[in-house]
Amino acid sequence: MTTKAFVIGHPINHSRSPLIHGTWLAEHGIDGSYEAIDVTPDELPAFFARLRTGEFAGGNVTIPHKEAVFALCDEVDPLARTIGAVNTLVVRDGQVLGTNTDYLGFLGNLDAGAPGWSDGPNDALIIGAGGAARAVLVALRRRDGGKVHVLNRTLANAQALVDDIDGPFEAHGFDAFPELAPRIGLVVNTSSIGMHGSRFDWLDLSLLDKGTLVTDIVYAPLETPLLADAKAAGLRTVDGLGMLLHQAVPGFEAWFGVRPTVTAQLRACVEATLGH
């Protein structure tokens, strides 16, 4: 019997998830399928009714449904509740369980792209205070390190995020960067700056130590202006594509019973579709 999985969103044509999971299904010779399904917000309850019939083993959730599915799941794990979003669904015995693998994707990407990045006492700096920043905070909380500084244009939003997730976190406005920079070992951009060629007008990368790692969760373009500037400044960089690839691993394992590997070939396959 064919095991079926999916990704739902609205719109959904842009998703690279079918390419990723389809590659793994072929690689492991699994009798399975993974399809992109356009589900409007109004159609979500009916889709969850389909899930409870056992038609699918589970699937992924993308924009704009990551928060809306909370109320429809029979159970949501504590980590997903902390992050405030569900990106992976697993169906068992007519029950839909919601989880979030974005933090695993974030850690897996950095571990692969910059081995040893979390060694040492350096602080980390997150730019932005939205949903993506929540997942990164949860990820960094699971690694022993220094403090995590959340910088946002609106200080109140950064403070609200820090107050909501327990950990060694501090909130700041952008003006705090020069003072913080010398002790920062990791810079993570979770904001939309970098899309459509936009750049930070306040981020002086020359103030960072040369060993600092700079990463961006945006993967289209693959090299954002921030990463290009960081490379030019002699800093280490990791792009955001690996986060997409690594977050897919736990879901595939839950649905199809095999833990896949993120390979250079898979990355190249997905990278070839960017900008198309």
Protein backbone atom coordinates (compact mmCIF):
# COMPACT_ATOMS: atom_id res chain seq x y z
CA MET A 1 0.00 0.00 0.00
CA THR A 2 1.35 3.41 -0.98
CA THR A 3 2.18 5.72 1.93
CA LYS A 4 1.09 9.26 1.14
CA ALA A 5 2.34 12.58 2.52
CA PHE A 6 1.86 16.22 1.50
CA VAL A 7 2.61 19.88 1.97
CA ILE A 8 -0.31 22.29 2.32
CA GLY A 9 -0.26 26.05 1.84
CA HIS A 10 -1.94 28.82 -0.14
CA PRO A 11 -0.39 29.40 -2.62
CA ILE A 12 1.77 26.28 -2.78
CA ASN A 13 3.38 26.21 -6.26
CA HIS A 14 6.64 27.70 -4.94
CA SER A 15 7.29 24.84 -2.48
CA ARG A 16 10.49 22.82 -2.93
CA SER A 17 9.28 20.17 -0.47
CA PRO A 18 7.93 17.79 -3.18
CA LEU A 19 11.36 17.84 -4.85
CA ILE A 20 13.14 17.10 -1.55
CA HIS A 21 10.84 14.28 -0.42
CA GLY A 22 10.46 12.88 -3.94
CA THR A 23 14.25 12.58 -4.18
CA TRP A 24 14.39 10.66 -0.91
CA LEU A 25 11.48 8.36 -1.87
CA ALA A 26 13.30 7.41 -5.07
CA GLU A 27 16.64 7.07 -3.30
CA HIS A 28 15.25 4.59 -0.76
CA GLY A 29 12.92 2.76 -3.16
CA ILE A 30 9.88 3.52 -1.00
CA ASP A 31 6.35 2.93 -2.26
CA GLY A 32 5.23 6.42 -1.31
CA SER A 33 4.15 9.81 -2.61
CA TYR A 34 4.49 13.41 -1.51
CA GLU A 35 2.30 16.06 -3.12
CA ALA A 36 1.73 19.80 -2.85
CA ILE A 37 -1.92 20.59 -2.09
CA ASP A 38 -3.34 24.10 -2.29
CA VAL A 39 -5.64 24.48 0.73
CA THR A 40 -7.33 27.81 1.42
CA PRO A 41 -7.91 28.88 5.04
CA ASP A 42 -11.62 28.08 4.67
CA GLU A 43 -10.79 24.57 3.49
CA LEU A 44 -8.54 23.66 6.43
CA PRO A 45 -11.21 22.00 8.65
CA ALA A 46 -12.38 19.79 5.77
CA PHE A 47 -8.78 18.85 4.99
CA PHE A 48 -8.20 17.80 8.61
CA ALA A 49 -11.32 15.62 8.38
CA ARG A 50 -9.61 13.89 5.43
CA LEU A 51 -6.48 13.37 7.51
CA ARG A 52 -8.42 11.56 10.24
CA THR A 53 -9.64 8.97 7.71
CA GLY A 54 -6.05 7.76 7.34
CA GLU A 55 -5.61 8.85 3.73
CA PHE A 56 -2.20 10.37 4.58
CA ALA A 57 0.59 9.43 7.00
CA GLY A 58 1.13 13.15 7.56
CA GLY A 59 2.63 16.16 5.90
CA ASN A 60 4.07 19.64 6.10
CA VAL A 61 2.36 22.97 6.72
CA THR A 62 3.55 26.23 5.22
CA ILE A 63 2.32 29.82 4.85
CA PRO A 64 -0.34 30.89 5.79
CA HIS A 65 -1.44 27.90 7.90
CA LYS A 66 1.35 27.39 10.47
CA GLU A 67 -0.61 29.07 13.28
CA ALA A 68 -4.16 28.19 12.18
CA VAL A 69 -3.58 24.43 12.40
CA PHE A 70 -3.05 24.63 16.18
CA ALA A 71 -6.79 24.59 16.84
CA LEU A 72 -7.34 21.70 14.42
CA CYS A 73 -4.66 19.31 15.71
CA ASP A 74 -5.63 16.73 18.32
CA GLU A 75 -2.29 17.27 20.01
CA VAL A 76 0.53 19.81 19.62
CA ASP A 77 3.90 19.11 21.20
CA PRO A 78 5.24 21.63 23.77
CA LEU A 79 8.09 22.78 21.54
CA ALA A 80 5.73 23.75 18.73
CA ARG A 81 3.62 25.64 21.28
CA THR A 82 6.69 27.56 22.42
CA ILE A 83 7.66 28.37 18.82
CA GLY A 84 4.06 29.34 18.10
CA ALA A 85 3.84 27.46 14.81
CA VAL A 86 3.32 23.93 13.46
CA ASN A 87 5.16 22.86 10.30
CA THR A 88 4.85 19.06 10.51
CA LEU A 89 1.78 16.84 10.97
CA VAL A 90 1.81 13.13 11.82
CA VAL A 91 -1.38 11.06 11.65
CA ARG A 92 -1.69 8.10 14.03
CA ASP A 93 -4.85 6.11 14.78
CA GLY A 94 -7.10 8.84 13.43
CA GLN A 95 -5.38 11.54 15.52
CA VAL A 96 -3.42 14.46 14.04
CA LEU A 97 -0.27 15.41 15.97
CA GLY A 98 1.43 18.77 15.31
CA THR A 99 5.16 19.41 15.71
CA ASN A 100 7.74 21.95 14.56
CA THR A 101 11.06 20.91 13.02
CA ASP A 102 12.34 24.38 12.06
CA TYR A 103 14.69 24.51 15.06
CA LEU A 104 16.20 21.15 14.04
CA GLY A 105 16.61 22.50 10.51
CA PHE A 106 18.40 25.57 11.82
CA LEU A 107 20.82 23.56 13.99
CA GLY A 108 21.40 20.91 11.31
CA ASN A 109 22.23 23.57 8.73
CA LEU A 110 24.84 25.25 10.93
CA ASP A 111 26.32 21.92 12.10
CA ALA A 112 26.80 20.89 8.47
CA GLY A 113 27.96 24.25 7.15
CA ALA A 114 30.15 25.36 10.07
CA PRO A 115 31.10 22.39 12.28
CA GLY A 116 31.90 23.44 15.85
CA TRP A 117 30.02 26.75 15.53
CA SER A 118 28.44 26.38 18.97
CA ASP A 119 31.71 25.60 20.79
CA GLY A 120 32.87 28.32 23.13
CA PRO A 121 31.24 31.01 25.25
CA ASN A 122 30.40 33.59 22.59
CA ASP A 123 27.03 35.35 22.54
CA ALA A 124 24.63 35.14 19.61
CA LEU A 125 22.68 37.94 17.96
CA ILE A 126 19.31 37.55 16.25
CA ILE A 127 17.94 40.27 13.97
CA GLY A 128 14.16 40.37 13.92
CA ALA A 129 11.45 39.37 16.39
CA GLY A 130 8.86 37.51 14.31
CA GLY A 131 7.89 33.85 14.05
CA ALA A 132 11.21 32.75 12.57
CA ALA A 133 13.09 34.40 15.45
CA ARG A 134 11.06 32.28 17.90
CA ALA A 135 12.26 29.05 16.27
CA VAL A 136 15.87 30.24 16.31
CA LEU A 137 15.63 31.22 19.99
CA VAL A 138 14.34 27.75 20.85
CA ALA A 139 17.20 26.22 18.85
CA LEU A 140 19.89 28.32 20.54
CA ARG A 141 18.41 27.59 23.97
CA ARG A 142 19.18 23.90 23.34
CA ARG A 143 22.88 24.59 22.87
CA ASP A 144 25.18 25.65 25.68
CA GLY A 145 26.61 29.06 24.88
CA GLY A 146 26.44 32.64 25.98
CA LYS A 147 23.52 35.03 25.88
CA VAL A 148 21.28 35.54 22.88
CA HIS A 149 20.59 39.17 21.99
CA VAL A 150 17.43 39.93 20.01
CA LEU A 151 17.70 43.15 18.01
CA ASN A 152 14.62 44.67 16.41
CA ARG A 153 13.66 48.02 14.99
CA THR A 154 10.77 48.12 17.49
CA LEU A 155 12.30 47.37 20.89
CA ALA A 156 8.91 46.51 22.42
CA ASN A 157 8.46 43.61 19.99
CA ALA A 158 11.90 42.22 20.84
CA GLN A 159 11.13 42.56 24.55
CA ALA A 160 7.79 40.78 24.16
CA LEU A 161 9.51 37.86 22.43
CA VAL A 162 12.23 37.60 25.07
CA ASP A 163 9.64 37.73 27.85
CA ASP A 164 7.60 34.98 26.20
CA ILE A 165 10.40 32.39 25.83
CA ASP A 166 12.39 31.53 28.93
CA GLY A 167 16.13 31.60 28.41
CA PRO A 168 19.34 33.68 28.58
CA PHE A 169 17.89 36.26 26.21
CA GLU A 170 18.10 40.07 26.05
CA ALA A 171 16.15 42.54 23.90
CA HIS A 172 17.73 45.57 22.21
CA GLY A 173 17.14 48.16 19.53
CA PHE A 174 19.44 48.34 16.52
CA ASP A 175 21.50 51.04 18.23
CA ALA A 176 22.95 48.47 20.65
CA PHE A 177 24.91 46.65 17.92
CA PRO A 178 28.26 48.52 18.21
CA GLU A 179 28.46 47.79 21.95
CA LEU A 180 27.49 44.11 21.55
CA ALA A 181 29.51 43.32 18.40
CA PRO A 182 32.92 42.41 19.95
CA ARG A 183 31.48 39.48 21.94
CA ILE A 184 29.19 38.07 19.23
CA GLY A 185 30.08 34.67 17.72
CA LEU A 186 26.92 34.15 15.65
CA VAL A 187 24.69 36.60 13.76
CA VAL A 188 21.32 35.32 12.49
CA ASN A 189 19.06 37.38 10.26
CA THR A 190 15.42 36.31 10.64
CA SER A 191 13.98 39.55 9.21
CA SER A 192 12.85 40.18 5.63
CA ILE A 193 15.82 42.47 5.01
CA GLY A 194 17.84 40.89 2.24
CA MET A 195 14.94 40.09 -0.02
CA HIS A 196 14.62 42.20 -3.17
CA GLY A 197 18.18 43.48 -2.69
CA SER A 198 17.52 45.34 0.57
CA ARG A 199 20.42 45.94 2.95
CA PHE A 200 20.90 46.87 6.60
CA ASP A 201 21.85 50.52 6.97
CA TRP A 202 23.05 50.19 10.59
CA LEU A 203 25.05 46.95 10.61
CA ASP A 204 28.81 47.63 10.62
CA LEU A 205 30.23 44.14 10.09
CA SER A 206 33.79 45.39 10.62
CA LEU A 207 33.01 45.57 14.35
CA LEU A 208 32.62 41.78 14.54
CA ASP A 209 35.44 39.38 15.39
CA LYS A 210 36.85 37.63 12.28
CA GLY A 211 35.72 34.26 13.67
CA THR A 212 32.06 35.31 13.76
CA LEU A 213 29.60 33.22 11.77
CA VAL A 214 26.85 35.04 9.84
CA THR A 215 23.75 33.22 8.61
CA ASP A 216 20.46 34.20 6.97
CA ILE A 217 17.30 32.09 7.02
CA VAL A 218 16.28 33.49 3.61
CA TYR A 219 17.38 31.12 0.79
CA ALA A 220 16.11 33.04 -2.24
CA PRO A 221 18.41 34.67 -3.15
CA LEU A 222 20.89 32.07 -1.92
CA GLU A 223 23.49 34.74 -1.21
CA THR A 224 21.65 37.64 0.37
CA PRO A 225 23.24 41.10 0.55
CA LEU A 226 24.06 40.40 4.22
CA LEU A 227 25.96 37.20 3.36
CA ALA A 228 27.75 38.91 0.46
CA ASP A 229 28.81 41.76 2.76
CA ALA A 230 29.91 39.29 5.46
CA LYS A 231 32.06 37.36 2.97
CA ALA A 232 33.62 40.60 1.77
CA ALA A 233 34.45 41.42 5.40
CA GLY A 234 36.23 38.07 5.80
CA LEU A 235 33.56 36.50 8.03
CA ARG A 236 32.30 32.91 7.90
CA THR A 237 28.85 32.47 6.34
CA VAL A 238 26.16 29.78 6.01
CA ASP A 239 23.20 30.33 3.68
CA GLY A 240 19.59 29.45 4.51
CA LEU A 241 18.97 26.61 2.06
CA GLY A 242 20.26 23.93 4.42
CA MET A 243 17.63 24.86 7.00
CA LEU A 244 14.91 23.94 4.49
CA LEU A 245 16.62 20.63 3.75
CA HIS A 246 17.38 19.62 7.34
CA GLN A 247 13.94 20.52 8.72
CA ALA A 248 12.47 17.97 6.28
CA VAL A 249 14.37 14.99 7.75
CA PRO A 250 12.26 14.28 10.90
CA GLY A 251 8.96 14.41 8.99
CA PHE A 252 10.13 12.00 6.30
CA GLU A 253 11.30 9.58 8.99
CA ALA A 254 7.96 9.78 10.84
CA TRP A 255 5.88 9.14 7.69
CA PHE A 256 8.00 6.66 5.75
CA GLY A 257 10.05 4.94 8.47
CA VAL A 258 13.49 5.77 7.05
CA ARG A 259 15.79 8.57 8.20
CA PRO A 260 17.10 10.28 5.04
CA THR A 261 20.39 12.11 4.62
CA VAL A 262 20.90 15.63 3.32
CA THR A 263 23.49 15.19 0.57
CA ALA A 264 25.40 17.57 -1.66
CA GLN A 265 23.48 16.12 -4.62
CA LEU A 266 20.12 16.93 -3.03
CA ARG A 267 21.26 20.44 -2.24
CA ALA A 268 22.44 20.96 -5.82
CA CYS A 269 19.13 19.65 -7.13
CA VAL A 270 17.12 22.14 -5.06
CA GLU A 271 19.61 24.97 -5.65
CA ALA A 272 19.11 24.57 -9.41
CA THR A 273 15.44 25.55 -9.00
CA LEU A 274 16.10 28.81 -7.16
CA GLY A 275 15.24 31.89 -9.14
CA HIS A 276 12.95 29.90 -11.39
